[in-house]
Amino acid sequence: MSQLCKSTPLPIALDEELIGIFTYEDKEAMLAKIQPQFIILKPSLVGGFRGCTEWIALAEKHEIGWWVTSALESNIGLNAIAQWTFTKNNPMPQGLGTGGLYTNNFNSPLEVKNGQLCYNPHTLWKVNL
């Protein structure tokens, strides 16, 4: 993978490769060795917000781009990830879905409009299923 990342004409992003790597030292070693152009962070799968914060710091140290995606969370989890992601001030588009394929998801004011996750203040949370 390291050689591929060095010689590719197209940017390569690590995604599932980050799952199961939890220590700062192991994260550092992976990024230093592979040197991908991007990493994709799914908070639920890579150590929560704290784990993602470590990945972000290391990615920025190694001049690696990053973005956050959701991993089929309920709308409550998606709301938390969206708010946390906003605090990171990453200008890149993020991959936050609405969990719309669940039949028993919580109704929420989160909507996708024109490719952006938005909060509709006229829609209420419905957390009683």
C-alpha atoms as a PDB file:
ATOM      1  CA  MET A   1       0.000   0.000   0.000  1.00  0.00           C
ATOM      2  CA  SER A   2       2.886   2.340   0.786  1.00  0.00           C
ATOM      3  CA  GLN A   3       4.352   1.954  -2.697  1.00  0.00           C
ATOM      4  CA  LEU A   4       0.939   2.435  -4.273  1.00  0.00           C
ATOM      5  CA  CYS A   5       0.368   5.668  -2.320  1.00  0.00           C
ATOM      6  CA  LYS A   6       3.778   6.972  -3.439  1.00  0.00           C
ATOM      7  CA  SER A   7       3.282   6.247  -7.123  1.00  0.00           C
ATOM      8  CA  THR A   8      -0.440   6.749  -7.694  1.00  0.00           C
ATOM      9  CA  PRO A   9      -1.659   9.428 -10.097  1.00  0.00           C
ATOM     10  CA  LEU A  10      -4.914   9.525  -8.076  1.00  0.00           C
ATOM     11  CA  PRO A  11      -5.205  10.272  -4.362  1.00  0.00           C
ATOM     12  CA  ILE A  12      -5.715   7.253  -2.113  1.00  0.00           C
ATOM     13  CA  ALA A  13      -7.731   7.361   1.109  1.00  0.00           C
ATOM     14  CA  LEU A  14      -7.451   4.858   3.936  1.00  0.00           C
ATOM     15  CA  ASP A  15     -10.816   3.982   5.442  1.00  0.00           C
ATOM     16  CA  GLU A  16     -11.461   0.543   6.937  1.00  0.00           C
ATOM     17  CA  GLU A  17      -7.697   0.154   7.327  1.00  0.00           C
ATOM     18  CA  LEU A  18      -7.967   2.476  10.358  1.00  0.00           C
ATOM     19  CA  ILE A  19     -10.357   0.180  12.220  1.00  0.00           C
ATOM     20  CA  GLY A  20      -8.694  -1.645  15.108  1.00  0.00           C
ATOM     21  CA  ILE A  21      -5.709   0.705  15.367  1.00  0.00           C
ATOM     22  CA  PHE A  22      -6.152   2.457  18.669  1.00  0.00           C
ATOM     23  CA  THR A  23      -2.773   3.425  20.142  1.00  0.00           C
ATOM     24  CA  TYR A  24      -1.160   6.709  19.220  1.00  0.00           C
ATOM     25  CA  GLU A  25       2.062   4.886  18.376  1.00  0.00           C
ATOM     26  CA  ASP A  26       0.352   2.444  16.004  1.00  0.00           C
ATOM     27  CA  LYS A  27      -1.524   5.275  14.283  1.00  0.00           C
ATOM     28  CA  GLU A  28       1.704   7.222  13.864  1.00  0.00           C
ATOM     29  CA  ALA A  29       3.533   4.186  12.476  1.00  0.00           C
ATOM     30  CA  MET A  30       0.776   3.419   9.955  1.00  0.00           C
ATOM     31  CA  LEU A  31       0.580   6.946   8.582  1.00  0.00           C
ATOM     32  CA  ALA A  32       4.358   7.359   8.474  1.00  0.00           C
ATOM     33  CA  LYS A  33       4.790   4.069   6.617  1.00  0.00           C
ATOM     34  CA  ILE A  34       1.885   4.193   4.168  1.00  0.00           C
ATOM     35  CA  GLN A  35       1.688   7.972   3.668  1.00  0.00           C
ATOM     36  CA  PRO A  36      -1.807   8.040   2.151  1.00  0.00           C
ATOM     37  CA  GLN A  37      -3.128  11.223   0.643  1.00  0.00           C
ATOM     38  CA  PHE A  38      -6.270  11.068   2.814  1.00  0.00           C
ATOM     39  CA  ILE A  39      -7.841   9.235   5.726  1.00  0.00           C
ATOM     40  CA  ILE A  40     -11.567   8.740   6.254  1.00  0.00           C
ATOM     41  CA  LEU A  41     -12.716   8.794   9.863  1.00  0.00           C
ATOM     42  CA  LYS A  42     -15.770   6.962  11.125  1.00  0.00           C
ATOM     43  CA  PRO A  43     -15.928   7.925  14.831  1.00  0.00           C
ATOM     44  CA  SER A  44     -18.002   4.888  15.803  1.00  0.00           C
ATOM     45  CA  LEU A  45     -15.364   2.547  14.384  1.00  0.00           C
ATOM     46  CA  VAL A  46     -12.039   4.234  15.122  1.00  0.00           C
ATOM     47  CA  GLY A  47     -12.176   5.107  18.811  1.00  0.00           C
ATOM     48  CA  GLY A  48     -14.868   7.763  19.056  1.00  0.00           C
ATOM     49  CA  PHE A  49     -14.180  11.473  19.055  1.00  0.00           C
ATOM     50  CA  ARG A  50     -10.984  11.078  21.053  1.00  0.00           C
ATOM     51  CA  GLY A  51      -9.621   8.494  18.633  1.00  0.00           C
ATOM     52  CA  CYS A  52     -10.553  10.655  15.669  1.00  0.00           C
ATOM     53  CA  THR A  53      -8.897  13.679  17.254  1.00  0.00           C
ATOM     54  CA  GLU A  54      -5.652  11.698  17.477  1.00  0.00           C
ATOM     55  CA  TRP A  55      -5.984  10.599  13.841  1.00  0.00           C
ATOM     56  CA  ILE A  56      -6.586  14.215  12.785  1.00  0.00           C
ATOM     57  CA  ALA A  57      -3.540  15.507  14.673  1.00  0.00           C
ATOM     58  CA  LEU A  58      -1.343  12.838  13.110  1.00  0.00           C
ATOM     59  CA  ALA A  59      -2.793  13.356   9.641  1.00  0.00           C
ATOM     60  CA  GLU A  60      -2.110  17.067   9.854  1.00  0.00           C
ATOM     61  CA  LYS A  61       1.415  16.392  11.159  1.00  0.00           C
ATOM     62  CA  HIS A  62       2.071  14.233   8.066  1.00  0.00           C
ATOM     63  CA  GLU A  63       0.213  16.608   5.705  1.00  0.00           C
ATOM     64  CA  ILE A  64      -2.494  14.039   5.050  1.00  0.00           C
ATOM     65  CA  GLY A  65      -6.011  15.223   4.295  1.00  0.00           C
ATOM     66  CA  TRP A  66      -8.966  13.846   6.227  1.00  0.00           C
ATOM     67  CA  TRP A  67     -12.729  13.859   6.410  1.00  0.00           C
ATOM     68  CA  VAL A  68     -15.420  12.336   8.592  1.00  0.00           C
ATOM     69  CA  THR A  69     -18.162   9.944   7.552  1.00  0.00           C
ATOM     70  CA  SER A  70     -20.985   8.380   9.476  1.00  0.00           C
ATOM     71  CA  ALA A  71     -21.254   4.616   9.800  1.00  0.00           C
ATOM     72  CA  LEU A  72     -24.985   3.916   9.841  1.00  0.00           C
ATOM     73  CA  GLU A  73     -25.654   5.587  13.178  1.00  0.00           C
ATOM     74  CA  SER A  74     -29.146   6.508  14.263  1.00  0.00           C
ATOM     75  CA  ASN A  75     -30.101  10.141  13.823  1.00  0.00           C
ATOM     76  CA  ILE A  76     -29.080  10.802  17.422  1.00  0.00           C
ATOM     77  CA  GLY A  77     -25.573   9.485  16.751  1.00  0.00           C
ATOM     78  CA  LEU A  78     -25.432  11.322  13.435  1.00  0.00           C
ATOM     79  CA  ASN A  79     -26.388  14.560  15.171  1.00  0.00           C
ATOM     80  CA  ALA A  80     -23.515  14.145  17.645  1.00  0.00           C
ATOM     81  CA  ILE A  81     -21.026  13.344  14.865  1.00  0.00           C
ATOM     82  CA  ALA A  82     -22.210  16.291  12.766  1.00  0.00           C
ATOM     83  CA  GLN A  83     -21.831  18.731  15.649  1.00  0.00           C
ATOM     84  CA  TRP A  84     -18.387  17.382  16.561  1.00  0.00           C
ATOM     85  CA  THR A  85     -17.274  17.481  12.924  1.00  0.00           C
ATOM     86  CA  PHE A  86     -18.328  21.119  12.667  1.00  0.00           C
ATOM     87  CA  THR A  87     -15.970  22.000  15.525  1.00  0.00           C
ATOM     88  CA  LYS A  88     -13.016  20.657  13.505  1.00  0.00           C
ATOM     89  CA  ASN A  89     -13.334  23.383  10.849  1.00  0.00           C
ATOM     90  CA  ASN A  90     -12.426  21.108   7.954  1.00  0.00           C
ATOM     91  CA  PRO A  91     -13.401  22.876   4.703  1.00  0.00           C
ATOM     92  CA  MET A  92     -13.628  19.572   2.800  1.00  0.00           C
ATOM     93  CA  PRO A  93     -17.043  17.992   2.197  1.00  0.00           C
ATOM     94  CA  GLN A  94     -17.865  15.446   4.878  1.00  0.00           C
ATOM     95  CA  GLY A  95     -19.760  12.170   4.368  1.00  0.00           C
ATOM     96  CA  LEU A  96     -22.565  12.408   6.866  1.00  0.00           C
ATOM     97  CA  GLY A  97     -25.703  10.486   5.905  1.00  0.00           C
ATOM     98  CA  THR A  98     -29.091  10.479   7.528  1.00  0.00           C
ATOM     99  CA  GLY A  99     -29.470   6.826   8.458  1.00  0.00           C
ATOM    100  CA  GLY A 100     -32.569   6.861   6.261  1.00  0.00           C
ATOM    101  CA  LEU A 101     -32.483   3.148   5.603  1.00  0.00           C
ATOM    102  CA  TYR A 102     -33.567   2.324   9.139  1.00  0.00           C
ATOM    103  CA  THR A 103     -37.265   1.679   9.597  1.00  0.00           C
ATOM    104  CA  ASN A 104     -37.017   2.267  13.352  1.00  0.00           C
ATOM    105  CA  ASN A 105     -34.781   5.356  13.383  1.00  0.00           C
ATOM    106  CA  PHE A 106     -35.621   8.373  15.510  1.00  0.00           C
ATOM    107  CA  ASN A 107     -37.393  11.140  13.600  1.00  0.00           C
ATOM    108  CA  SER A 108     -35.184  14.185  13.683  1.00  0.00           C
ATOM    109  CA  PRO A 109     -34.773  17.672  12.276  1.00  0.00           C
ATOM    110  CA  LEU A 110     -31.726  16.529  10.277  1.00  0.00           C
ATOM    111  CA  GLU A 111     -32.248  16.781   6.526  1.00  0.00           C
ATOM    112  CA  VAL A 112     -30.037  16.553   3.485  1.00  0.00           C
ATOM    113  CA  LYS A 113     -30.564  19.548   1.200  1.00  0.00           C
ATOM    114  CA  ASN A 114     -28.477  20.178  -1.882  1.00  0.00           C
ATOM    115  CA  GLY A 115     -25.892  17.691  -0.659  1.00  0.00           C
ATOM    116  CA  GLN A 116     -25.569  19.278   2.783  1.00  0.00           C
ATOM    117  CA  LEU A 117     -26.728  18.023   6.150  1.00  0.00           C
ATOM    118  CA  CYS A 118     -29.011  20.687   7.604  1.00  0.00           C
ATOM    119  CA  TYR A 119     -30.983  21.200  10.783  1.00  0.00           C
ATOM    120  CA  ASN A 120     -34.640  22.094  10.231  1.00  0.00           C
ATOM    121  CA  PRO A 121     -35.782  24.118  13.266  1.00  0.00           C
ATOM    122  CA  HIS A 122     -39.440  23.485  12.323  1.00  0.00           C
ATOM    123  CA  THR A 123     -39.107  19.715  12.796  1.00  0.00           C
ATOM    124  CA  LEU A 124     -38.961  18.222  16.275  1.00  0.00           C
ATOM    125  CA  TRP A 125     -37.043  15.251  17.554  1.00  0.00           C
ATOM    126  CA  LYS A 126     -39.263  12.225  18.128  1.00  0.00           C
ATOM    127  CA  VAL A 127     -37.392   9.878  20.409  1.00  0.00           C
ATOM    128  CA  ASN A 128     -40.317   7.745  21.575  1.00  0.00           C
ATOM    129  CA  LEU A 129     -40.566   4.838  19.170  1.00  0.00           C
END
